[in-house]
Amino acid sequence: MRTVNIFDAKASFSRLVAAAEAGETVLIARNGKPVARLGPIDPVSRPVTFGDLGATVTISDDFDTWDEQDERDWYGR
């Protein structure tokens, strides 16, 4: 595991992120003392997509219109 001082980490942040993507963990140090760790994260087992819960959402054609009935329904008038 390599250690990089904050000044160098700011200058080469993109390379450090690429190293983390490749599986490397890098310690970030201030004045030679490690204060943070940059490393890979565990991949999500599968992405969650809209509709995974089995529910279907239907948006009506007049979704973005507001009429008098909507006014009464919303304000109880």
N, C-alpha and C. Protein backbone atom coordinates (compact mmCIF):
# COMPACT_ATOMS: atom_id res chain seq x y z
N MET A 1 0.86 -1.16 0.00
CA MET A 1 0.00 0.00 0.00
C MET A 1 0.91 1.23 0.00
N ARG A 2 0.68 2.10 -0.94
CA ARG A 2 1.53 3.28 -1.01
C ARG A 2 0.90 4.44 -0.25
N THR A 3 1.76 5.35 0.19
CA THR A 3 1.33 6.54 0.91
C THR A 3 1.65 7.77 0.08
N VAL A 4 0.69 8.70 -0.03
CA VAL A 4 0.86 9.91 -0.82
C VAL A 4 0.47 11.09 0.06
N ASN A 5 1.29 12.12 0.08
CA ASN A 5 0.95 13.32 0.83
C ASN A 5 -0.17 14.08 0.13
N ILE A 6 -0.92 14.88 0.89
CA ILE A 6 -2.08 15.59 0.36
C ILE A 6 -1.73 16.43 -0.86
N PHE A 7 -0.62 17.15 -0.81
CA PHE A 7 -0.23 18.00 -1.93
C PHE A 7 -0.10 17.18 -3.21
N ASP A 8 0.58 16.03 -3.11
CA ASP A 8 0.76 15.16 -4.29
C ASP A 8 -0.57 14.50 -4.70
N ALA A 9 -1.41 14.20 -3.71
CA ALA A 9 -2.69 13.58 -4.02
C ALA A 9 -3.58 14.54 -4.82
N LYS A 10 -3.56 15.83 -4.44
CA LYS A 10 -4.35 16.82 -5.19
C LYS A 10 -3.84 16.93 -6.62
N ALA A 11 -2.53 16.87 -6.79
CA ALA A 11 -1.94 17.02 -8.13
C ALA A 11 -2.19 15.80 -9.00
N SER A 12 -2.38 14.64 -8.40
CA SER A 12 -2.53 13.41 -9.20
C SER A 12 -3.79 12.64 -8.83
N PHE A 13 -4.84 13.36 -8.50
CA PHE A 13 -6.08 12.73 -8.04
C PHE A 13 -6.64 11.74 -9.07
N SER A 14 -6.64 12.12 -10.34
CA SER A 14 -7.19 11.22 -11.38
C SER A 14 -6.43 9.90 -11.42
N ARG A 15 -5.12 9.97 -11.30
CA ARG A 15 -4.33 8.73 -11.31
C ARG A 15 -4.61 7.89 -10.06
N LEU A 16 -4.82 8.55 -8.93
CA LEU A 16 -5.11 7.80 -7.71
C LEU A 16 -6.47 7.12 -7.80
N VAL A 17 -7.44 7.79 -8.39
CA VAL A 17 -8.76 7.17 -8.57
C VAL A 17 -8.65 5.99 -9.54
N ALA A 18 -7.86 6.14 -10.58
CA ALA A 18 -7.65 5.03 -11.52
C ALA A 18 -7.00 3.85 -10.80
N ALA A 19 -6.07 4.13 -9.91
CA ALA A 19 -5.43 3.06 -9.14
C ALA A 19 -6.45 2.37 -8.24
N ALA A 20 -7.35 3.15 -7.64
CA ALA A 20 -8.40 2.57 -6.80
C ALA A 20 -9.34 1.70 -7.64
N GLU A 21 -9.66 2.16 -8.84
CA GLU A 21 -10.51 1.35 -9.73
C GLU A 21 -9.84 0.03 -10.08
N ALA A 22 -8.49 0.05 -10.14
CA ALA A 22 -7.73 -1.16 -10.46
C ALA A 22 -7.55 -2.06 -9.24
N GLY A 23 -8.04 -1.62 -8.07
CA GLY A 23 -7.98 -2.46 -6.89
C GLY A 23 -6.93 -2.06 -5.86
N GLU A 24 -6.19 -1.00 -6.12
CA GLU A 24 -5.14 -0.56 -5.20
C GLU A 24 -5.72 0.35 -4.12
N THR A 25 -5.16 0.26 -2.92
CA THR A 25 -5.53 1.16 -1.84
C THR A 25 -4.36 2.09 -1.59
N VAL A 26 -4.66 3.38 -1.48
CA VAL A 26 -3.63 4.40 -1.29
C VAL A 26 -3.94 5.15 0.00
N LEU A 27 -2.92 5.32 0.85
CA LEU A 27 -3.08 6.12 2.04
C LEU A 27 -2.76 7.57 1.72
N ILE A 28 -3.60 8.48 2.19
CA ILE A 28 -3.37 9.91 2.02
C ILE A 28 -2.83 10.41 3.37
N ALA A 29 -1.70 11.12 3.31
CA ALA A 29 -1.04 11.56 4.54
C ALA A 29 -0.91 13.07 4.60
N ARG A 30 -0.92 13.58 5.83
CA ARG A 30 -0.64 14.99 6.08
C ARG A 30 0.63 15.01 6.92
N ASN A 31 1.67 15.67 6.39
CA ASN A 31 2.96 15.72 7.06
C ASN A 31 3.48 14.33 7.41
N GLY A 32 3.26 13.38 6.50
CA GLY A 32 3.76 12.02 6.69
C GLY A 32 2.89 11.12 7.55
N LYS A 33 1.82 11.66 8.14
CA LYS A 33 0.95 10.87 9.00
C LYS A 33 -0.33 10.51 8.22
N PRO A 34 -0.61 9.22 8.04
CA PRO A 34 -1.82 8.82 7.30
C PRO A 34 -3.09 9.36 7.97
N VAL A 35 -3.95 9.97 7.14
CA VAL A 35 -5.21 10.54 7.65
C VAL A 35 -6.44 10.04 6.89
N ALA A 36 -6.23 9.44 5.72
CA ALA A 36 -7.36 8.96 4.93
C ALA A 36 -6.90 7.81 4.05
N ARG A 37 -7.88 7.05 3.58
CA ARG A 37 -7.58 5.91 2.72
C ARG A 37 -8.44 6.01 1.47
N LEU A 38 -7.84 5.85 0.31
CA LEU A 38 -8.57 5.85 -0.97
C LEU A 38 -8.41 4.46 -1.55
N GLY A 39 -9.52 3.80 -1.82
CA GLY A 39 -9.43 2.45 -2.34
C GLY A 39 -10.68 2.04 -3.07
N PRO A 40 -10.66 0.82 -3.57
CA PRO A 40 -11.81 0.33 -4.32
C PRO A 40 -12.99 0.07 -3.40
N ILE A 41 -14.18 0.12 -3.96
CA ILE A 41 -15.38 -0.23 -3.20
C ILE A 41 -15.90 -1.55 -3.73
N ASP A 42 -16.65 -2.23 -2.88
CA ASP A 42 -17.24 -3.49 -3.30
C ASP A 42 -18.30 -3.21 -4.35
N PRO A 43 -18.26 -3.95 -5.44
CA PRO A 43 -19.28 -3.71 -6.48
C PRO A 43 -20.66 -4.09 -5.97
N VAL A 44 -21.66 -3.39 -6.47
CA VAL A 44 -23.04 -3.71 -6.13
C VAL A 44 -23.38 -5.02 -6.82
N SER A 45 -24.07 -5.90 -6.12
CA SER A 45 -24.36 -7.21 -6.69
C SER A 45 -25.13 -7.10 -8.01
N ARG A 46 -26.04 -6.17 -8.05
CA ARG A 46 -26.74 -5.88 -9.31
C ARG A 46 -27.34 -4.50 -9.17
N PRO A 47 -27.39 -3.76 -10.23
CA PRO A 47 -27.99 -2.43 -10.14
C PRO A 47 -29.49 -2.52 -9.88
N VAL A 48 -29.98 -1.63 -9.07
CA VAL A 48 -31.41 -1.57 -8.81
C VAL A 48 -32.02 -0.64 -9.85
N THR A 49 -33.00 -1.13 -10.54
CA THR A 49 -33.64 -0.33 -11.57
C THR A 49 -35.08 -0.05 -11.18
N PHE A 50 -35.61 1.00 -11.72
CA PHE A 50 -36.99 1.39 -11.45
C PHE A 50 -37.92 0.25 -11.83
N GLY A 51 -38.76 -0.12 -10.94
CA GLY A 51 -39.72 -1.19 -11.23
C GLY A 51 -39.30 -2.54 -10.71
N ASP A 52 -38.16 -2.63 -10.02
CA ASP A 52 -37.71 -3.91 -9.49
C ASP A 52 -38.63 -4.47 -8.41
N LEU A 53 -39.44 -3.64 -7.80
CA LEU A 53 -40.30 -4.11 -6.73
C LEU A 53 -41.58 -4.74 -7.26
N GLY A 54 -41.71 -4.82 -8.56
CA GLY A 54 -42.87 -5.46 -9.16
C GLY A 54 -44.04 -4.54 -9.40
N ALA A 55 -43.93 -3.30 -9.00
CA ALA A 55 -45.02 -2.36 -9.20
C ALA A 55 -44.87 -1.69 -10.57
N THR A 56 -45.96 -1.36 -11.16
CA THR A 56 -45.95 -0.66 -12.43
C THR A 56 -46.46 0.75 -12.20
N VAL A 57 -45.74 1.71 -12.71
CA VAL A 57 -46.14 3.10 -12.58
C VAL A 57 -46.59 3.58 -13.95
N THR A 58 -47.78 4.12 -14.01
CA THR A 58 -48.31 4.66 -15.26
C THR A 58 -48.54 6.15 -15.07
N ILE A 59 -48.01 6.94 -15.97
CA ILE A 59 -48.19 8.39 -15.93
C ILE A 59 -49.18 8.76 -17.02
N SER A 60 -50.25 9.41 -16.63
CA SER A 60 -51.30 9.74 -17.59
C SER A 60 -50.82 10.84 -18.54
N ASP A 61 -51.48 10.94 -19.66
CA ASP A 61 -51.14 11.93 -20.68
C ASP A 61 -51.31 13.35 -20.18
N ASP A 62 -52.25 13.56 -19.24
CA ASP A 62 -52.50 14.91 -18.75
C ASP A 62 -51.76 15.19 -17.43
N PHE A 63 -50.69 14.47 -17.17
CA PHE A 63 -49.94 14.60 -15.92
C PHE A 63 -49.54 16.03 -15.62
N ASP A 64 -49.11 16.76 -16.60
CA ASP A 64 -48.59 18.11 -16.36
C ASP A 64 -49.62 19.22 -16.59
N THR A 65 -50.88 18.86 -16.60
CA THR A 65 -51.92 19.89 -16.72
C THR A 65 -52.60 20.06 -15.36
N TRP A 66 -53.17 21.23 -15.14
CA TRP A 66 -53.86 21.54 -13.88
C TRP A 66 -55.19 22.16 -14.24
N ASP A 67 -56.26 21.52 -13.86
CA ASP A 67 -57.58 22.05 -14.21
C ASP A 67 -58.39 22.32 -12.94
N GLU A 68 -59.63 22.72 -13.12
CA GLU A 68 -60.48 23.07 -11.97
C GLU A 68 -60.73 21.88 -11.05
N GLN A 69 -60.85 20.68 -11.62
CA GLN A 69 -61.05 19.50 -10.79
C GLN A 69 -59.82 19.24 -9.92
N ASP A 70 -58.64 19.42 -10.49
CA ASP A 70 -57.41 19.28 -9.70
C ASP A 70 -57.38 20.31 -8.58
N GLU A 71 -57.81 21.51 -8.87
CA GLU A 71 -57.87 22.59 -7.88
C GLU A 71 -58.78 22.18 -6.71
N ARG A 72 -59.96 21.65 -7.02
CA ARG A 72 -60.89 21.21 -5.98
C ARG A 72 -60.31 20.04 -5.18
N ASP A 73 -59.71 19.08 -5.89
CA ASP A 73 -59.14 17.93 -5.22
C ASP A 73 -57.99 18.32 -4.29
N TRP A 74 -57.18 19.24 -4.74
CA TRP A 74 -56.01 19.64 -3.98
C TRP A 74 -56.36 20.49 -2.76
N TYR A 75 -57.20 21.49 -2.98
CA TYR A 75 -57.54 22.42 -1.91
C TYR A 75 -58.85 22.11 -1.19
N GLY A 76 -59.57 21.08 -1.64
CA GLY A 76 -60.82 20.69 -0.99
C GLY A 76 -61.92 21.70 -1.15
N ARG A 77 -61.94 22.41 -2.24
CA ARG A 77 -62.95 23.44 -2.49
C ARG A 77 -64.11 22.88 -3.26
